[in-house]
Protein backbone atom coordinates (compact mmCIF):
# COMPACT_ATOMS: atom_id res chain seq x y z
CA MET A 1 15.30 -29.47 10.15
CA ALA A 2 15.27 -29.24 6.37
CA ASP A 3 18.45 -30.11 4.53
CA THR A 4 17.86 -27.97 1.46
CA ILE A 5 16.47 -24.60 0.50
CA GLU A 6 14.63 -25.96 -2.54
CA ASN A 7 10.97 -25.02 -2.48
CA THR A 8 11.42 -22.75 0.54
CA HIS A 9 11.37 -18.97 0.88
CA THR A 10 12.75 -16.42 3.29
CA PRO A 11 10.13 -14.26 4.99
CA TYR A 12 11.15 -11.50 2.55
CA GLY A 13 10.45 -13.85 -0.35
CA VAL A 14 7.04 -14.67 1.10
CA SER A 15 6.28 -10.95 1.39
CA LYS A 16 7.13 -10.51 -2.31
CA MET A 17 4.79 -13.39 -3.20
CA ALA A 18 2.06 -12.01 -0.95
CA ASN A 19 2.35 -8.46 -2.25
CA LYS A 20 2.14 -9.63 -5.85
CA ARG A 21 -1.16 -11.37 -5.03
CA LEU A 22 -2.42 -8.48 -2.89
CA VAL A 23 -1.83 -5.95 -5.67
CA ALA A 24 -3.58 -8.24 -8.16
CA GLU A 25 -6.56 -8.45 -5.77
CA GLY A 26 -6.64 -4.66 -5.20
CA LEU A 27 -5.65 -5.02 -1.54
CA PRO A 28 -2.99 -3.15 0.44
CA LYS A 29 0.56 -4.51 0.50
CA ILE A 30 2.05 -6.05 3.63
CA PRO A 31 5.44 -4.83 4.91
CA SER A 32 8.13 -7.51 4.70
CA GLN A 33 9.04 -6.95 8.36
CA MET A 34 5.60 -8.24 9.36
CA LEU A 35 6.41 -11.57 7.72
CA TYR A 36 9.63 -11.85 9.74
CA SER A 37 7.56 -11.25 12.89
CA TYR A 38 4.92 -13.78 11.84
CA VAL A 39 7.59 -16.42 11.23
CA THR A 40 9.38 -15.64 14.50
CA ASN A 41 6.09 -15.81 16.42
CA LYS A 42 5.15 -19.04 14.63
CA LEU A 43 2.08 -17.55 12.96
CA ILE A 44 3.54 -18.88 9.71
CA PRO A 45 5.08 -22.37 9.93
CA HIS A 46 8.77 -22.50 9.07
CA VAL A 47 11.71 -24.83 8.77
CA VAL A 48 15.33 -24.11 9.62
CA VAL A 49 17.90 -24.45 6.86
CA GLY A 50 21.38 -23.84 8.19
CA ASP A 51 20.80 -20.81 10.39
CA GLN A 52 17.88 -19.41 8.36
CA LYS A 53 14.18 -19.63 9.11
CA ARG A 54 12.47 -20.47 5.82
CA VAL A 55 8.89 -21.10 4.78
CA THR A 56 8.00 -24.01 2.51
CA ASP A 57 6.28 -23.15 -0.74
CA GLU A 58 3.16 -25.02 0.41
CA ASP A 59 2.99 -23.16 3.74
CA ALA A 60 3.65 -19.80 2.05
CA ARG A 61 0.83 -20.27 -0.45
CA ALA A 62 -1.57 -21.52 2.24
CA TRP A 63 -0.79 -18.53 4.47
CA ILE A 64 -1.18 -16.07 1.57
CA ASP A 65 -4.55 -17.62 0.63
CA LYS A 66 -5.75 -17.32 4.23
CA TYR A 67 -4.44 -13.75 4.59
CA VAL A 68 -6.12 -12.59 1.36
CA SER A 69 -9.36 -14.30 2.35
CA ASN A 70 -9.33 -12.58 5.76
CA LEU A 71 -8.66 -9.15 4.22
CA LYS A 72 -11.51 -9.60 1.75
CA ARG A 73 -13.86 -10.74 4.51
CA ARG A 74 -12.96 -7.73 6.67
CA ALA A 75 -13.44 -5.36 3.72
CA ALA A 76 -16.86 -6.88 2.98
CA GLU A 77 -17.87 -6.58 6.65
CA ALA A 78 -16.73 -2.96 6.77
CA ALA A 79 -18.66 -2.17 3.57
CA ALA A 80 -21.80 -3.84 4.92
CA GLU A 81 -21.49 -1.93 8.19
CA SER A 82 -21.05 1.32 6.28
CA VAL A 83 -24.23 0.66 4.29
CA GLU A 84 -26.11 -0.13 7.51
CA ASP A 85 -24.83 3.10 9.10
CA GLU A 86 -25.92 5.14 6.06
CA ALA A 87 -29.35 3.51 6.13
CA ALA A 88 -29.75 4.27 9.83
CA GLU A 89 -28.70 7.89 9.29
CA SER A 90 -31.24 8.35 6.48
CA VAL A 91 -34.02 6.95 8.70
CA ASP A 92 -33.02 9.32 11.51
CA ALA A 93 -33.06 12.35 9.17
């Protein structure tokens, strides 16, 4: 259990950090409630400070990096699949 809240964030705080990065990257925002669920389900590591579940700055940044990377990868895969579908349709025509 952590003794202090220094360098930790609530799930809401992590969502604000994530959404700032997502907007900068041109990606869709994530609802703050999802972060609460991710923390509760231990998809994002957390520490307990008093009675609050909090995410360390290091874990928050690592999770955000991974989340952004996954969204970009999925977008690239979807774009590639779309191009393949268009190419197949033009061959069929």
